Amino acid sequence: MVVKNDEEIRQYWEEQNRECFAQIARLPPPPGLEKAWAKLQAAKAKLESKS
């Protein structure tokens, strides 16, 4: 019973976090940090291409 409840709670929060993280990912870069943002995105793309 407790394990089932824990699993339901974990799934609920994973879904909530997934939606929140997706919303954050759609935000534009903070003002004044466009170059750093572009560098970060390039590094992420490079890491993903290696996988």
PDB file of N, CA and C in Angstrom:
ATOM      1  N   MET A   1       0.826  -1.196   0.000  1.00  0.00           N
ATOM      2  CA  MET A   1       0.000   0.000   0.000  1.00  0.00           C
ATOM      3  C   MET A   1       0.876   1.267   0.000  1.00  0.00           C
ATOM      4  N   VAL A   2       1.839   1.320   0.882  1.00  0.00           N
ATOM      5  CA  VAL A   2       2.706   2.498   0.967  1.00  0.00           C
ATOM      6  C   VAL A   2       3.560   2.619  -0.290  1.00  0.00           C
ATOM      7  N   VAL A   3       4.060   1.487  -0.786  1.00  0.00           N
ATOM      8  CA  VAL A   3       4.898   1.509  -1.986  1.00  0.00           C
ATOM      9  C   VAL A   3       4.093   1.995  -3.181  1.00  0.00           C
ATOM     10  N   LYS A   4       2.852   1.550  -3.289  1.00  0.00           N
ATOM     11  CA  LYS A   4       1.990   1.990  -4.391  1.00  0.00           C
ATOM     12  C   LYS A   4       1.758   3.495  -4.304  1.00  0.00           C
ATOM     13  N   ASN A   5       1.492   3.993  -3.121  1.00  0.00           N
ATOM     14  CA  ASN A   5       1.266   5.420  -2.929  1.00  0.00           C
ATOM     15  C   ASN A   5       2.526   6.213  -3.276  1.00  0.00           C
ATOM     16  N   ASP A   6       3.670   5.727  -2.850  1.00  0.00           N
ATOM     17  CA  ASP A   6       4.935   6.399  -3.170  1.00  0.00           C
ATOM     18  C   ASP A   6       5.155   6.459  -4.675  1.00  0.00           C
ATOM     19  N   GLU A   7       4.845   5.371  -5.365  1.00  0.00           N
ATOM     20  CA  GLU A   7       5.005   5.327  -6.818  1.00  0.00           C
ATOM     21  C   GLU A   7       4.076   6.339  -7.492  1.00  0.00           C
ATOM     22  N   GLU A   8       2.844   6.433  -7.020  1.00  0.00           N
ATOM     23  CA  GLU A   8       1.895   7.398  -7.581  1.00  0.00           C
ATOM     24  C   GLU A   8       2.384   8.826  -7.367  1.00  0.00           C
ATOM     25  N   ILE A   9       2.905   9.100  -6.200  1.00  0.00           N
ATOM     26  CA  ILE A   9       3.425  10.441  -5.899  1.00  0.00           C
ATOM     27  C   ILE A   9       4.622  10.754  -6.791  1.00  0.00           C
ATOM     28  N   ARG A  10       5.524   9.787  -6.953  1.00  0.00           N
ATOM     29  CA  ARG A  10       6.698   9.989  -7.801  1.00  0.00           C
ATOM     30  C   ARG A  10       6.284  10.276  -9.237  1.00  0.00           C
ATOM     31  N   GLN A  11       5.325   9.506  -9.755  1.00  0.00           N
ATOM     32  CA  GLN A  11       4.859   9.716 -11.127  1.00  0.00           C
ATOM     33  C   GLN A  11       4.207  11.091 -11.282  1.00  0.00           C
ATOM     34  N   TYR A  12       3.426  11.497 -10.281  1.00  0.00           N
ATOM     35  CA  TYR A  12       2.783  12.806 -10.325  1.00  0.00           C
ATOM     36  C   TYR A  12       3.832  13.908 -10.431  1.00  0.00           C
ATOM     37  N   TRP A  13       4.855  13.866  -9.586  1.00  0.00           N
ATOM     38  CA  TRP A  13       5.854  14.927  -9.589  1.00  0.00           C
ATOM     39  C   TRP A  13       6.748  14.879 -10.815  1.00  0.00           C
ATOM     40  N   GLU A  14       7.006  13.692 -11.344  1.00  0.00           N
ATOM     41  CA  GLU A  14       7.764  13.608 -12.596  1.00  0.00           C
ATOM     42  C   GLU A  14       7.004  14.308 -13.714  1.00  0.00           C
ATOM     43  N   GLU A  15       5.696  14.105 -13.778  1.00  0.00           N
ATOM     44  CA  GLU A  15       4.879  14.760 -14.804  1.00  0.00           C
ATOM     45  C   GLU A  15       4.866  16.275 -14.598  1.00  0.00           C
ATOM     46  N   GLN A  16       4.698  16.715 -13.355  1.00  0.00           N
ATOM     47  CA  GLN A  16       4.700  18.149 -13.068  1.00  0.00           C
ATOM     48  C   GLN A  16       6.034  18.772 -13.465  1.00  0.00           C
ATOM     49  N   ASN A  17       7.123  18.117 -13.111  1.00  0.00           N
ATOM     50  CA  ASN A  17       8.449  18.641 -13.436  1.00  0.00           C
ATOM     51  C   ASN A  17       8.690  18.639 -14.933  1.00  0.00           C
ATOM     52  N   ARG A  18       8.227  17.609 -15.630  1.00  0.00           N
ATOM     53  CA  ARG A  18       8.415  17.530 -17.082  1.00  0.00           C
ATOM     54  C   ARG A  18       7.757  18.739 -17.751  1.00  0.00           C
ATOM     55  N   GLU A  19       6.550  19.070 -17.332  1.00  0.00           N
ATOM     56  CA  GLU A  19       5.850  20.221 -17.901  1.00  0.00           C
ATOM     57  C   GLU A  19       6.582  21.521 -17.575  1.00  0.00           C
ATOM     58  N   CYS A  20       7.045  21.643 -16.349  1.00  0.00           N
ATOM     59  CA  CYS A  20       7.752  22.857 -15.926  1.00  0.00           C
ATOM     60  C   CYS A  20       9.060  23.020 -16.696  1.00  0.00           C
ATOM     61  N   PHE A  21       9.826  21.938 -16.825  1.00  0.00           N
ATOM     62  CA  PHE A  21      11.096  22.004 -17.544  1.00  0.00           C
ATOM     63  C   PHE A  21      10.881  22.311 -19.021  1.00  0.00           C
ATOM     64  N   ALA A  22       9.819  21.779 -19.611  1.00  0.00           N
ATOM     65  CA  ALA A  22       9.524  22.063 -21.016  1.00  0.00           C
ATOM     66  C   ALA A  22       9.191  23.543 -21.191  1.00  0.00           C
ATOM     67  N   GLN A  23       8.458  24.092 -20.251  1.00  0.00           N
ATOM     68  CA  GLN A  23       8.101  25.512 -20.316  1.00  0.00           C
ATOM     69  C   GLN A  23       9.356  26.382 -20.170  1.00  0.00           C
ATOM     70  N   ILE A  24      10.242  26.026 -19.274  1.00  0.00           N
ATOM     71  CA  ILE A  24      11.486  26.778 -19.078  1.00  0.00           C
ATOM     72  C   ILE A  24      12.352  26.705 -20.331  1.00  0.00           C
ATOM     73  N   ALA A  25      12.396  25.547 -20.972  1.00  0.00           N
ATOM     74  CA  ALA A  25      13.224  25.368 -22.169  1.00  0.00           C
ATOM     75  C   ALA A  25      12.760  26.260 -23.314  1.00  0.00           C
ATOM     76  N   ARG A  26      11.481  26.620 -23.330  1.00  0.00           N
ATOM     77  CA  ARG A  26      10.950  27.464 -24.404  1.00  0.00           C
ATOM     78  C   ARG A  26      11.221  28.952 -24.185  1.00  0.00           C
ATOM     79  N   LEU A  27      11.712  29.319 -23.013  1.00  0.00           N
ATOM     80  CA  LEU A  27      11.974  30.727 -22.729  1.00  0.00           C
ATOM     81  C   LEU A  27      13.163  31.227 -23.545  1.00  0.00           C
ATOM     82  N   PRO A  28      13.133  32.500 -23.944  1.00  0.00           N
ATOM     83  CA  PRO A  28      14.288  33.068 -24.656  1.00  0.00           C
ATOM     84  C   PRO A  28      15.439  33.287 -23.678  1.00  0.00           C
ATOM     85  N   PRO A  29      16.648  33.483 -24.209  1.00  0.00           N
ATOM     86  CA  PRO A  29      17.786  33.724 -23.310  1.00  0.00           C
ATOM     87  C   PRO A  29      17.602  35.029 -22.536  1.00  0.00           C
ATOM     88  N   PRO A  30      18.158  35.105 -21.349  1.00  0.00           N
ATOM     89  CA  PRO A  30      18.072  36.335 -20.567  1.00  0.00           C
ATOM     90  C   PRO A  30      18.761  37.487 -21.302  1.00  0.00           C
ATOM     91  N   PRO A  31      18.253  38.704 -21.167  1.00  0.00           N
ATOM     92  CA  PRO A  31      18.865  39.856 -21.834  1.00  0.00           C
ATOM     93  C   PRO A  31      20.336  40.011 -21.448  1.00  0.00           C
ATOM     94  N   GLY A  32      21.174  40.234 -22.460  1.00  0.00           N
ATOM     95  CA  GLY A  32      22.594  40.436 -22.230  1.00  0.00           C
ATOM     96  C   GLY A  32      23.403  39.151 -22.192  1.00  0.00           C
ATOM     97  N   LEU A  33      22.736  38.009 -22.249  1.00  0.00           N
ATOM     98  CA  LEU A  33      23.452  36.733 -22.171  1.00  0.00           C
ATOM     99  C   LEU A  33      23.288  35.906 -23.443  1.00  0.00           C
ATOM    100  N   GLU A  34      22.975  36.566 -24.542  1.00  0.00           N
ATOM    101  CA  GLU A  34      22.715  35.852 -25.787  1.00  0.00           C
ATOM    102  C   GLU A  34      23.928  35.047 -26.259  1.00  0.00           C
ATOM    103  N   LYS A  35      25.127  35.638 -26.152  1.00  0.00           N
ATOM    104  CA  LYS A  35      26.335  34.932 -26.606  1.00  0.00           C
ATOM    105  C   LYS A  35      26.597  33.698 -25.745  1.00  0.00           C
ATOM    106  N   ALA A  36      26.487  33.850 -24.438  1.00  0.00           N
ATOM    107  CA  ALA A  36      26.703  32.713 -23.537  1.00  0.00           C
ATOM    108  C   ALA A  36      25.649  31.641 -23.786  1.00  0.00           C
ATOM    109  N   TRP A  37      24.417  32.062 -24.040  1.00  0.00           N
ATOM    110  CA  TRP A  37      23.317  31.137 -24.309  1.00  0.00           C
ATOM    111  C   TRP A  37      23.600  30.341 -25.583  1.00  0.00           C
ATOM    112  N   ALA A  38      24.069  31.027 -26.609  1.00  0.00           N
ATOM    113  CA  ALA A  38      24.384  30.358 -27.875  1.00  0.00           C
ATOM    114  C   ALA A  38      25.527  29.358 -27.681  1.00  0.00           C
ATOM    115  N   LYS A  39      26.526  29.731 -26.892  1.00  0.00           N
ATOM    116  CA  LYS A  39      27.649  28.832 -26.621  1.00  0.00           C
ATOM    117  C   LYS A  39      27.163  27.594 -25.862  1.00  0.00           C
ATOM    118  N   LEU A  40      26.283  27.792 -24.900  1.00  0.00           N
ATOM    119  CA  LEU A  40      25.725  26.679 -24.140  1.00  0.00           C
ATOM    120  C   LEU A  40      24.920  25.751 -25.042  1.00  0.00           C
ATOM    121  N   GLN A  41      24.105  26.320 -25.914  1.00  0.00           N
ATOM    122  CA  GLN A  41      23.297  25.502 -26.824  1.00  0.00           C
ATOM    123  C   GLN A  41      24.187  24.710 -27.777  1.00  0.00           C
ATOM    124  N   ALA A  42      25.275  25.312 -28.238  1.00  0.00           N
ATOM    125  CA  ALA A  42      26.205  24.607 -29.122  1.00  0.00           C
ATOM    126  C   ALA A  42      26.875  23.448 -28.383  1.00  0.00           C
ATOM    127  N   ALA A  43      27.246  23.669 -27.129  1.00  0.00           N
ATOM    128  CA  ALA A  43      27.866  22.603 -26.338  1.00  0.00           C
ATOM    129  C   ALA A  43      26.878  21.463 -26.101  1.00  0.00           C
ATOM    130  N   LYS A  44      25.624  21.795 -25.835  1.00  0.00           N
ATOM    131  CA  LYS A  44      24.597  20.763 -25.648  1.00  0.00           C
ATOM    132  C   LYS A  44      24.407  19.954 -26.923  1.00  0.00           C
ATOM    133  N   ALA A  45      24.360  20.635 -28.054  1.00  0.00           N
ATOM    134  CA  ALA A  45      24.178  19.943 -29.333  1.00  0.00           C
ATOM    135  C   ALA A  45      25.358  19.017 -29.614  1.00  0.00           C
ATOM    136  N   LYS A  46      26.562  19.473 -29.287  1.00  0.00           N
ATOM    137  CA  LYS A  46      27.754  18.657 -29.512  1.00  0.00           C
ATOM    138  C   LYS A  46      27.712  17.398 -28.645  1.00  0.00           C
ATOM    139  N   LEU A  47      27.299  17.540 -27.392  1.00  0.00           N
ATOM    140  CA  LEU A  47      27.190  16.383 -26.502  1.00  0.00           C
ATOM    141  C   LEU A  47      26.132  15.398 -26.993  1.00  0.00           C
ATOM    142  N   GLU A  48      25.011  15.912 -27.463  1.00  0.00           N
ATOM    143  CA  GLU A  48      23.938  15.044 -27.945  1.00  0.00           C
ATOM    144  C   GLU A  48      24.347  14.304 -29.209  1.00  0.00           C
ATOM    145  N   SER A  49      25.152  14.943 -30.056  1.00  0.00           N
ATOM    146  CA  SER A  49      25.569  14.289 -31.297  1.00  0.00           C
ATOM    147  C   SER A  49      26.567  13.162 -31.026  1.00  0.00           C
ATOM    148  N   LYS A  50      27.300  13.246 -29.919  1.00  0.00           N
ATOM    149  CA  LYS A  50      28.247  12.188 -29.557  1.00  0.00           C
ATOM    150  C   LYS A  50      27.531  10.950 -29.028  1.00  0.00           C
ATOM    151  N   SER A  51      26.337  11.132 -28.490  1.00  0.00           N
ATOM    152  CA  SER A  51      25.593  10.003 -27.890  1.00  0.00           C
ATOM    153  C   SER A  51      24.999   9.089 -28.916  1.00  0.00           C
TER     154      SER A  51
END
